[in-house]
Amino acid sequence: MLFRSKGTVHTFTVAEKSLYDDDEGPVVVALIELEEGAMMTSNIMTNDPYGVSIGMPVKLTYRPVSEDITLPVFEVAE
């Protein structure tokens, strides 16, 4: 299945600290409703974590976390 890589924020929370990186925080963890109707849990990468809102449009991007692992994450769509 090929995704269009866009969606909207269905619900979210802001964690003050990342579980994986002590220097990272706050972190937005969100349930994203993709345009195709599927739901996906992911992070929203933003400089304004408290500016995220339900219904906000987002787009898919990728974040490398190691040489072998790249995670799908979202950023605010313009």
C-alpha atoms as a PDB file:
ATOM      1  CA  MET A   1       0.000   0.000   0.000  1.00  0.00           C
ATOM      2  CA  LEU A   2       1.350   3.404  -0.974  1.00  0.00           C
ATOM      3  CA  PHE A   3       0.593   6.301   1.369  1.00  0.00           C
ATOM      4  CA  ARG A   4       0.279   9.899   0.237  1.00  0.00           C
ATOM      5  CA  SER A   5       2.317  10.908   3.272  1.00  0.00           C
ATOM      6  CA  LYS A   6      -0.197  13.438   4.613  1.00  0.00           C
ATOM      7  CA  GLY A   7      -2.609  13.347   7.486  1.00  0.00           C
ATOM      8  CA  THR A   8      -4.160  15.189  10.399  1.00  0.00           C
ATOM      9  CA  VAL A   9      -3.539  15.050  14.131  1.00  0.00           C
ATOM     10  CA  HIS A  10      -6.271  12.894  15.699  1.00  0.00           C
ATOM     11  CA  THR A  11      -4.951  13.228  19.263  1.00  0.00           C
ATOM     12  CA  PHE A  12      -1.576  13.910  20.892  1.00  0.00           C
ATOM     13  CA  THR A  13       0.383  14.444  24.085  1.00  0.00           C
ATOM     14  CA  VAL A  14       3.539  16.376  24.879  1.00  0.00           C
ATOM     15  CA  ALA A  15       6.170  14.469  26.850  1.00  0.00           C
ATOM     16  CA  GLU A  16       8.629  16.708  28.650  1.00  0.00           C
ATOM     17  CA  LYS A  17      11.487  14.269  28.069  1.00  0.00           C
ATOM     18  CA  SER A  18      12.318  11.612  25.492  1.00  0.00           C
ATOM     19  CA  LEU A  19      12.679   8.014  26.645  1.00  0.00           C
ATOM     20  CA  TYR A  20      15.584   7.520  24.253  1.00  0.00           C
ATOM     21  CA  ASP A  21      17.538  10.762  24.277  1.00  0.00           C
ATOM     22  CA  ASP A  22      18.166  12.667  27.517  1.00  0.00           C
ATOM     23  CA  ASP A  23      18.888  15.857  25.566  1.00  0.00           C
ATOM     24  CA  GLU A  24      15.642  15.718  23.601  1.00  0.00           C
ATOM     25  CA  GLY A  25      12.440  17.227  24.879  1.00  0.00           C
ATOM     26  CA  PRO A  26       9.686  18.146  24.890  1.00  0.00           C
ATOM     27  CA  VAL A  27       8.489  15.487  22.433  1.00  0.00           C
ATOM     28  CA  VAL A  28       5.100  15.348  20.696  1.00  0.00           C
ATOM     29  CA  VAL A  29       3.631  11.833  20.462  1.00  0.00           C
ATOM     30  CA  ALA A  30       0.561  11.770  18.225  1.00  0.00           C
ATOM     31  CA  LEU A  31      -2.041   9.547  16.650  1.00  0.00           C
ATOM     32  CA  ILE A  32      -2.151  10.630  13.012  1.00  0.00           C
ATOM     33  CA  GLU A  33      -5.112   9.928  10.757  1.00  0.00           C
ATOM     34  CA  LEU A  34      -3.683   9.401   7.275  1.00  0.00           C
ATOM     35  CA  GLU A  35      -5.590  10.627   4.213  1.00  0.00           C
ATOM     36  CA  GLU A  36      -6.264   6.977   3.356  1.00  0.00           C
ATOM     37  CA  GLY A  37      -8.135   6.516   6.650  1.00  0.00           C
ATOM     38  CA  ALA A  38      -5.538   4.449   8.508  1.00  0.00           C
ATOM     39  CA  MET A  39      -4.230   5.603  11.899  1.00  0.00           C
ATOM     40  CA  MET A  40      -0.529   5.753  12.786  1.00  0.00           C
ATOM     41  CA  THR A  41       1.237   6.616  16.031  1.00  0.00           C
ATOM     42  CA  SER A  42       4.350   8.712  15.549  1.00  0.00           C
ATOM     43  CA  ASN A  43       6.235  11.786  16.693  1.00  0.00           C
ATOM     44  CA  ILE A  44       5.643  15.273  15.345  1.00  0.00           C
ATOM     45  CA  MET A  45       8.910  17.114  14.856  1.00  0.00           C
ATOM     46  CA  THR A  46       8.339  20.803  15.630  1.00  0.00           C
ATOM     47  CA  ASN A  47      10.024  23.764  17.272  1.00  0.00           C
ATOM     48  CA  ASP A  48       6.672  24.622  18.920  1.00  0.00           C
ATOM     49  CA  PRO A  49       5.402  21.438  20.632  1.00  0.00           C
ATOM     50  CA  TYR A  50       2.738  23.396  22.528  1.00  0.00           C
ATOM     51  CA  GLY A  51       1.444  24.835  19.245  1.00  0.00           C
ATOM     52  CA  VAL A  52       0.294  21.417  17.985  1.00  0.00           C
ATOM     53  CA  SER A  53      -3.492  21.012  17.871  1.00  0.00           C
ATOM     54  CA  ILE A  54      -6.074  18.370  17.011  1.00  0.00           C
ATOM     55  CA  GLY A  55      -6.982  18.579  13.322  1.00  0.00           C
ATOM     56  CA  MET A  56      -3.623  20.131  12.378  1.00  0.00           C
ATOM     57  CA  PRO A  57      -2.358  18.968   8.948  1.00  0.00           C
ATOM     58  CA  VAL A  58       0.950  17.076   8.994  1.00  0.00           C
ATOM     59  CA  LYS A  59       3.234  15.479   6.416  1.00  0.00           C
ATOM     60  CA  LEU A  60       5.463  12.435   6.596  1.00  0.00           C
ATOM     61  CA  THR A  61       9.227  12.711   6.792  1.00  0.00           C
ATOM     62  CA  TYR A  62      11.978  10.384   8.008  1.00  0.00           C
ATOM     63  CA  ARG A  63      14.412  10.638  10.919  1.00  0.00           C
ATOM     64  CA  PRO A  64      17.573   8.514  10.969  1.00  0.00           C
ATOM     65  CA  VAL A  65      18.317   7.321  14.516  1.00  0.00           C
ATOM     66  CA  SER A  66      21.241   5.057  13.709  1.00  0.00           C
ATOM     67  CA  GLU A  67      23.114   3.716  10.731  1.00  0.00           C
ATOM     68  CA  ASP A  68      20.561   0.896  10.409  1.00  0.00           C
ATOM     69  CA  ILE A  69      17.316   2.500  11.611  1.00  0.00           C
ATOM     70  CA  THR A  70      15.235   5.312  10.136  1.00  0.00           C
ATOM     71  CA  LEU A  71      11.879   6.190  11.693  1.00  0.00           C
ATOM     72  CA  PRO A  72       8.836   7.687   9.996  1.00  0.00           C
ATOM     73  CA  VAL A  73       7.884  10.928  11.759  1.00  0.00           C
ATOM     74  CA  PHE A  74       5.664  13.860  10.888  1.00  0.00           C
ATOM     75  CA  GLU A  75       6.113  17.595  10.688  1.00  0.00           C
ATOM     76  CA  VAL A  76       3.555  20.363  10.459  1.00  0.00           C
ATOM     77  CA  ALA A  77       2.332  20.812   6.867  1.00  0.00           C
ATOM     78  CA  GLU A  78       2.277  24.313   5.447  1.00  0.00           C
END
